[in-house]
């Protein structure tokens, strides 16, 4: 039997959440720094759910949603930055951060 995996956007907590069979397994935090400009500072997967590719599923779903909203993404999270270097997300605008840019 396969697990039910879903990704939802939680605006109140400013994070995307990935759940496995109804249990939150990970989060990708976001912060809108100006209208249409979103910083992604951190992604975490609960160690109990590690090794299942959930980080990539979470990143892909969140980035696809942000692209559909027309947002520009600033990938501060090393995991998200690596994901973006290895995968194309159609329609996503990425503004690679400088060291002196907003945190």
N, C-alpha and C. Protein backbone atom coordinates (compact mmCIF):
# COMPACT_ATOMS: atom_id res chain seq x y z
N UNK A 1 0.85 -1.18 0.00
CA UNK A 1 0.00 0.00 0.00
C UNK A 1 0.89 1.24 0.00
N UNK A 2 0.57 2.21 -0.83
CA UNK A 2 1.39 3.42 -0.90
C UNK A 2 0.85 4.48 0.06
N UNK A 3 1.77 5.33 0.50
CA UNK A 3 1.41 6.41 1.40
C UNK A 3 0.73 7.53 0.62
N UNK A 4 -0.20 8.23 1.28
CA UNK A 4 -0.82 9.41 0.68
C UNK A 4 0.02 10.62 1.05
N UNK A 5 0.62 11.25 0.03
CA UNK A 5 1.49 12.40 0.22
C UNK A 5 0.81 13.62 -0.38
N UNK A 6 0.68 14.68 0.43
CA UNK A 6 0.08 15.92 -0.07
C UNK A 6 0.94 17.11 0.37
N UNK A 7 0.89 18.16 -0.44
CA UNK A 7 1.57 19.42 -0.11
C UNK A 7 0.52 20.51 -0.11
N UNK A 8 0.50 21.29 0.96
CA UNK A 8 -0.45 22.41 1.07
C UNK A 8 0.30 23.67 1.49
N UNK A 9 -0.27 24.80 1.10
CA UNK A 9 0.28 26.10 1.50
C UNK A 9 -0.47 26.55 2.75
N UNK A 10 0.27 26.86 3.79
CA UNK A 10 -0.30 27.34 5.04
C UNK A 10 0.09 28.81 5.18
N UNK A 11 -0.80 29.70 4.72
CA UNK A 11 -0.49 31.13 4.74
C UNK A 11 -0.34 31.67 6.15
N UNK A 12 -1.11 31.15 7.09
CA UNK A 12 -1.05 31.64 8.47
C UNK A 12 0.34 31.39 9.08
N UNK A 13 0.94 30.27 8.75
CA UNK A 13 2.27 29.92 9.28
C UNK A 13 3.39 30.29 8.32
N UNK A 14 3.02 30.80 7.13
CA UNK A 14 3.98 31.16 6.09
C UNK A 14 4.90 29.99 5.75
N UNK A 15 4.26 28.87 5.41
CA UNK A 15 5.03 27.69 5.04
C UNK A 15 4.20 26.76 4.17
N UNK A 16 4.91 25.99 3.37
CA UNK A 16 4.30 24.87 2.65
C UNK A 16 4.54 23.65 3.52
N UNK A 17 3.55 22.79 3.62
CA UNK A 17 3.66 21.61 4.46
C UNK A 17 3.45 20.36 3.62
N UNK A 18 4.29 19.36 3.83
CA UNK A 18 4.10 18.08 3.19
C UNK A 18 3.63 17.10 4.26
N UNK A 19 2.56 16.40 3.94
CA UNK A 19 2.03 15.42 4.88
C UNK A 19 2.08 14.03 4.26
N UNK A 20 2.29 13.04 5.12
CA UNK A 20 2.26 11.64 4.72
C UNK A 20 1.19 10.99 5.57
N UNK A 21 0.16 10.50 4.90
CA UNK A 21 -0.98 9.89 5.60
C UNK A 21 -1.50 10.80 6.72
N UNK A 22 -1.56 12.10 6.45
CA UNK A 22 -2.13 13.07 7.39
C UNK A 22 -1.17 13.60 8.43
N UNK A 23 0.06 13.11 8.47
CA UNK A 23 1.05 13.57 9.44
C UNK A 23 2.02 14.53 8.75
N UNK A 24 2.23 15.71 9.34
CA UNK A 24 3.16 16.68 8.76
C UNK A 24 4.56 16.08 8.84
N UNK A 25 5.18 15.94 7.64
CA UNK A 25 6.50 15.33 7.54
C UNK A 25 7.58 16.36 7.25
N UNK A 26 7.18 17.57 6.83
CA UNK A 26 8.17 18.58 6.53
C UNK A 26 7.55 19.91 6.20
N UNK A 27 8.42 20.94 6.13
CA UNK A 27 7.98 22.32 5.89
C UNK A 27 9.00 23.04 5.02
N UNK A 28 8.47 23.93 4.18
CA UNK A 28 9.32 24.86 3.42
C UNK A 28 8.79 26.25 3.78
N UNK A 29 9.62 27.02 4.49
CA UNK A 29 9.20 28.32 4.96
C UNK A 29 9.30 29.34 3.84
N UNK A 30 8.41 30.34 3.87
CA UNK A 30 8.48 31.43 2.90
C UNK A 30 8.18 32.74 3.59
N UNK A 31 8.72 33.82 3.01
CA UNK A 31 8.49 35.16 3.55
C UNK A 31 8.35 36.12 2.37
N UNK A 32 7.20 36.75 2.26
CA UNK A 32 7.00 37.75 1.22
C UNK A 32 7.64 39.05 1.69
N UNK A 33 8.69 39.48 0.98
CA UNK A 33 9.43 40.68 1.38
C UNK A 33 8.90 41.92 0.68
N UNK A 34 8.19 41.74 -0.41
CA UNK A 34 7.48 42.80 -1.11
C UNK A 34 6.47 42.11 -1.99
N UNK A 35 5.48 42.83 -2.48
CA UNK A 35 4.47 42.17 -3.31
C UNK A 35 5.10 41.43 -4.49
N UNK A 36 4.83 40.13 -4.56
CA UNK A 36 5.34 39.31 -5.65
C UNK A 36 6.78 38.85 -5.52
N UNK A 37 7.40 39.11 -4.37
CA UNK A 37 8.80 38.71 -4.14
C UNK A 37 8.86 37.90 -2.85
N UNK A 38 9.25 36.64 -2.98
CA UNK A 38 9.19 35.70 -1.87
C UNK A 38 10.58 35.11 -1.60
N UNK A 39 11.03 35.22 -0.36
CA UNK A 39 12.28 34.60 0.08
C UNK A 39 11.94 33.24 0.67
N UNK A 40 12.73 32.24 0.28
CA UNK A 40 12.58 30.88 0.83
C UNK A 40 13.81 30.60 1.70
N UNK A 41 13.66 30.77 3.04
CA UNK A 41 14.83 30.69 3.91
C UNK A 41 15.21 29.30 4.41
N UNK A 42 14.23 28.35 4.46
CA UNK A 42 14.54 27.10 5.14
C UNK A 42 13.56 26.00 4.74
N UNK A 43 14.09 24.80 4.59
CA UNK A 43 13.29 23.60 4.36
C UNK A 43 13.72 22.56 5.37
N UNK A 44 12.76 21.84 5.91
CA UNK A 44 13.10 20.77 6.86
C UNK A 44 12.16 19.60 6.64
N UNK A 45 12.73 18.40 6.69
CA UNK A 45 11.96 17.15 6.65
C UNK A 45 12.24 16.44 7.97
N UNK A 46 11.18 16.00 8.63
CA UNK A 46 11.32 15.25 9.87
C UNK A 46 12.20 14.03 9.60
N UNK A 47 13.21 13.79 10.44
CA UNK A 47 14.10 12.64 10.23
C UNK A 47 13.36 11.30 10.11
N UNK A 48 12.22 11.18 10.76
CA UNK A 48 11.45 9.94 10.67
C UNK A 48 10.96 9.66 9.25
N UNK A 49 10.94 10.71 8.41
CA UNK A 49 10.47 10.58 7.04
C UNK A 49 11.61 10.73 6.03
N UNK A 50 12.83 10.74 6.51
CA UNK A 50 13.98 10.95 5.64
C UNK A 50 14.21 9.83 4.64
N UNK A 51 14.93 10.14 3.57
CA UNK A 51 15.30 9.14 2.60
C UNK A 51 14.20 8.72 1.64
N UNK A 52 13.11 9.48 1.60
CA UNK A 52 11.97 9.11 0.75
C UNK A 52 11.74 10.10 -0.39
N UNK A 53 12.63 11.09 -0.52
CA UNK A 53 12.48 12.07 -1.59
C UNK A 53 11.43 13.12 -1.32
N UNK A 54 10.99 13.22 -0.07
CA UNK A 54 9.92 14.17 0.26
C UNK A 54 10.37 15.62 0.13
N UNK A 55 11.65 15.90 0.36
CA UNK A 55 12.14 17.26 0.20
C UNK A 55 11.97 17.74 -1.24
N UNK A 56 12.27 16.87 -2.19
CA UNK A 56 12.12 17.23 -3.60
C UNK A 56 10.65 17.40 -3.98
N UNK A 57 9.80 16.54 -3.45
CA UNK A 57 8.36 16.68 -3.71
C UNK A 57 7.85 18.00 -3.16
N UNK A 58 8.27 18.32 -1.94
CA UNK A 58 7.87 19.57 -1.30
C UNK A 58 8.38 20.77 -2.09
N UNK A 59 9.66 20.76 -2.45
CA UNK A 59 10.24 21.88 -3.20
C UNK A 59 9.52 22.06 -4.54
N UNK A 60 9.31 20.97 -5.27
CA UNK A 60 8.66 21.06 -6.57
C UNK A 60 7.26 21.63 -6.44
N UNK A 61 6.49 21.15 -5.50
CA UNK A 61 5.10 21.63 -5.33
C UNK A 61 5.06 23.10 -4.94
N UNK A 62 5.92 23.48 -3.99
CA UNK A 62 5.95 24.88 -3.54
C UNK A 62 6.38 25.80 -4.67
N UNK A 63 7.44 25.44 -5.38
CA UNK A 63 7.95 26.28 -6.46
C UNK A 63 6.96 26.37 -7.62
N UNK A 64 6.28 25.27 -7.91
CA UNK A 64 5.26 25.29 -8.95
C UNK A 64 4.11 26.21 -8.56
N UNK A 65 3.72 26.17 -7.29
CA UNK A 65 2.66 27.07 -6.81
C UNK A 65 3.11 28.52 -6.90
N UNK A 66 4.32 28.81 -6.47
CA UNK A 66 4.82 30.19 -6.53
C UNK A 66 4.90 30.68 -7.97
N UNK A 67 5.29 29.80 -8.89
CA UNK A 67 5.33 30.18 -10.32
C UNK A 67 3.93 30.50 -10.81
N UNK A 68 2.94 29.71 -10.41
CA UNK A 68 1.57 29.94 -10.86
C UNK A 68 1.00 31.25 -10.32
N UNK A 69 1.54 31.71 -9.20
CA UNK A 69 1.12 32.98 -8.60
C UNK A 69 1.85 34.17 -9.23
N UNK A 70 2.87 33.88 -10.04
CA UNK A 70 3.65 34.95 -10.66
C UNK A 70 4.68 35.55 -9.75
N UNK A 71 5.01 34.87 -8.65
CA UNK A 71 5.97 35.40 -7.70
C UNK A 71 7.41 35.19 -8.18
N UNK A 72 8.28 36.11 -7.77
CA UNK A 72 9.72 35.95 -7.96
C UNK A 72 10.26 35.33 -6.69
N UNK A 73 11.08 34.30 -6.84
CA UNK A 73 11.60 33.54 -5.71
C UNK A 73 13.07 33.88 -5.48
N UNK A 74 13.41 34.11 -4.20
CA UNK A 74 14.80 34.30 -3.77
C UNK A 74 15.16 33.07 -2.93
N UNK A 75 15.95 32.16 -3.49
CA UNK A 75 16.25 30.91 -2.78
C UNK A 75 17.39 31.06 -1.78
N UNK A 76 17.07 31.34 -0.54
CA UNK A 76 18.08 31.43 0.53
C UNK A 76 18.38 30.06 1.12
N UNK A 77 17.42 29.13 1.03
CA UNK A 77 17.59 27.78 1.56
C UNK A 77 18.53 26.99 0.65
N UNK A 78 19.61 26.42 1.19
CA UNK A 78 20.54 25.65 0.36
C UNK A 78 19.88 24.48 -0.38
N UNK A 79 18.92 23.83 0.25
CA UNK A 79 18.24 22.72 -0.41
C UNK A 79 17.46 23.20 -1.62
N UNK A 80 16.72 24.30 -1.47
CA UNK A 80 15.94 24.85 -2.58
C UNK A 80 16.87 25.34 -3.68
N UNK A 81 17.97 25.99 -3.32
CA UNK A 81 18.92 26.46 -4.33
C UNK A 81 19.48 25.29 -5.13
N UNK A 82 19.84 24.21 -4.46
CA UNK A 82 20.35 23.01 -5.14
C UNK A 82 19.27 22.43 -6.04
N UNK A 83 18.04 22.35 -5.54
CA UNK A 83 16.94 21.83 -6.34
C UNK A 83 16.78 22.65 -7.62
N UNK A 84 16.82 23.96 -7.50
CA UNK A 84 16.64 24.83 -8.66
C UNK A 84 17.79 24.71 -9.66
N UNK A 85 18.98 24.41 -9.19
CA UNK A 85 20.11 24.23 -10.11
C UNK A 85 19.98 22.93 -10.89
N UNK A 86 19.23 21.97 -10.34
CA UNK A 86 19.12 20.65 -10.96
C UNK A 86 17.79 20.42 -11.68
N UNK A 87 16.79 21.26 -11.45
CA UNK A 87 15.46 21.06 -12.02
C UNK A 87 14.90 22.37 -12.56
N UNK A 88 14.19 22.25 -13.66
CA UNK A 88 13.50 23.41 -14.21
C UNK A 88 12.08 23.44 -13.66
N UNK A 89 11.64 24.61 -13.26
CA UNK A 89 10.25 24.81 -12.83
C UNK A 89 9.64 25.79 -13.83
N UNK A 90 8.78 25.29 -14.72
CA UNK A 90 8.23 26.15 -15.77
C UNK A 90 7.56 27.41 -15.21
N UNK A 91 7.94 28.55 -15.79
CA UNK A 91 7.34 29.82 -15.43
C UNK A 91 7.88 30.48 -14.18
N UNK A 92 8.78 29.81 -13.48
CA UNK A 92 9.31 30.38 -12.23
C UNK A 92 10.39 31.41 -12.53
N UNK A 93 10.27 32.56 -11.88
CA UNK A 93 11.29 33.61 -11.95
C UNK A 93 12.13 33.50 -10.68
N UNK A 94 13.43 33.32 -10.86
CA UNK A 94 14.35 33.17 -9.73
C UNK A 94 15.29 34.36 -9.71
N UNK A 95 15.43 34.97 -8.53
CA UNK A 95 16.39 36.04 -8.32
C UNK A 95 17.42 35.50 -7.33
N UNK A 96 18.55 35.07 -7.86
CA UNK A 96 19.58 34.48 -7.00
C UNK A 96 20.10 35.55 -6.04
N UNK A 97 20.17 35.22 -4.75
CA UNK A 97 20.54 36.22 -3.74
C UNK A 97 22.01 36.61 -3.79
N UNK A 98 22.25 37.88 -3.45
CA UNK A 98 23.60 38.37 -3.20
C UNK A 98 23.79 38.29 -1.69
N UNK A 99 25.04 38.30 -1.25
CA UNK A 99 25.32 38.20 0.19
C UNK A 99 24.73 39.37 0.98
N UNK A 100 24.60 40.54 0.37
CA UNK A 100 24.12 41.70 1.10
C UNK A 100 22.62 41.94 0.94
N UNK A 101 21.92 41.00 0.29
CA UNK A 101 20.48 41.15 0.07
C UNK A 101 19.71 40.82 1.35
N UNK A 102 18.41 41.16 1.34
CA UNK A 102 17.57 40.90 2.51
C UNK A 102 17.66 39.44 2.93
N UNK A 103 17.59 39.24 4.20
CA UNK A 103 17.66 37.87 4.74
C UNK A 103 16.30 37.35 4.98
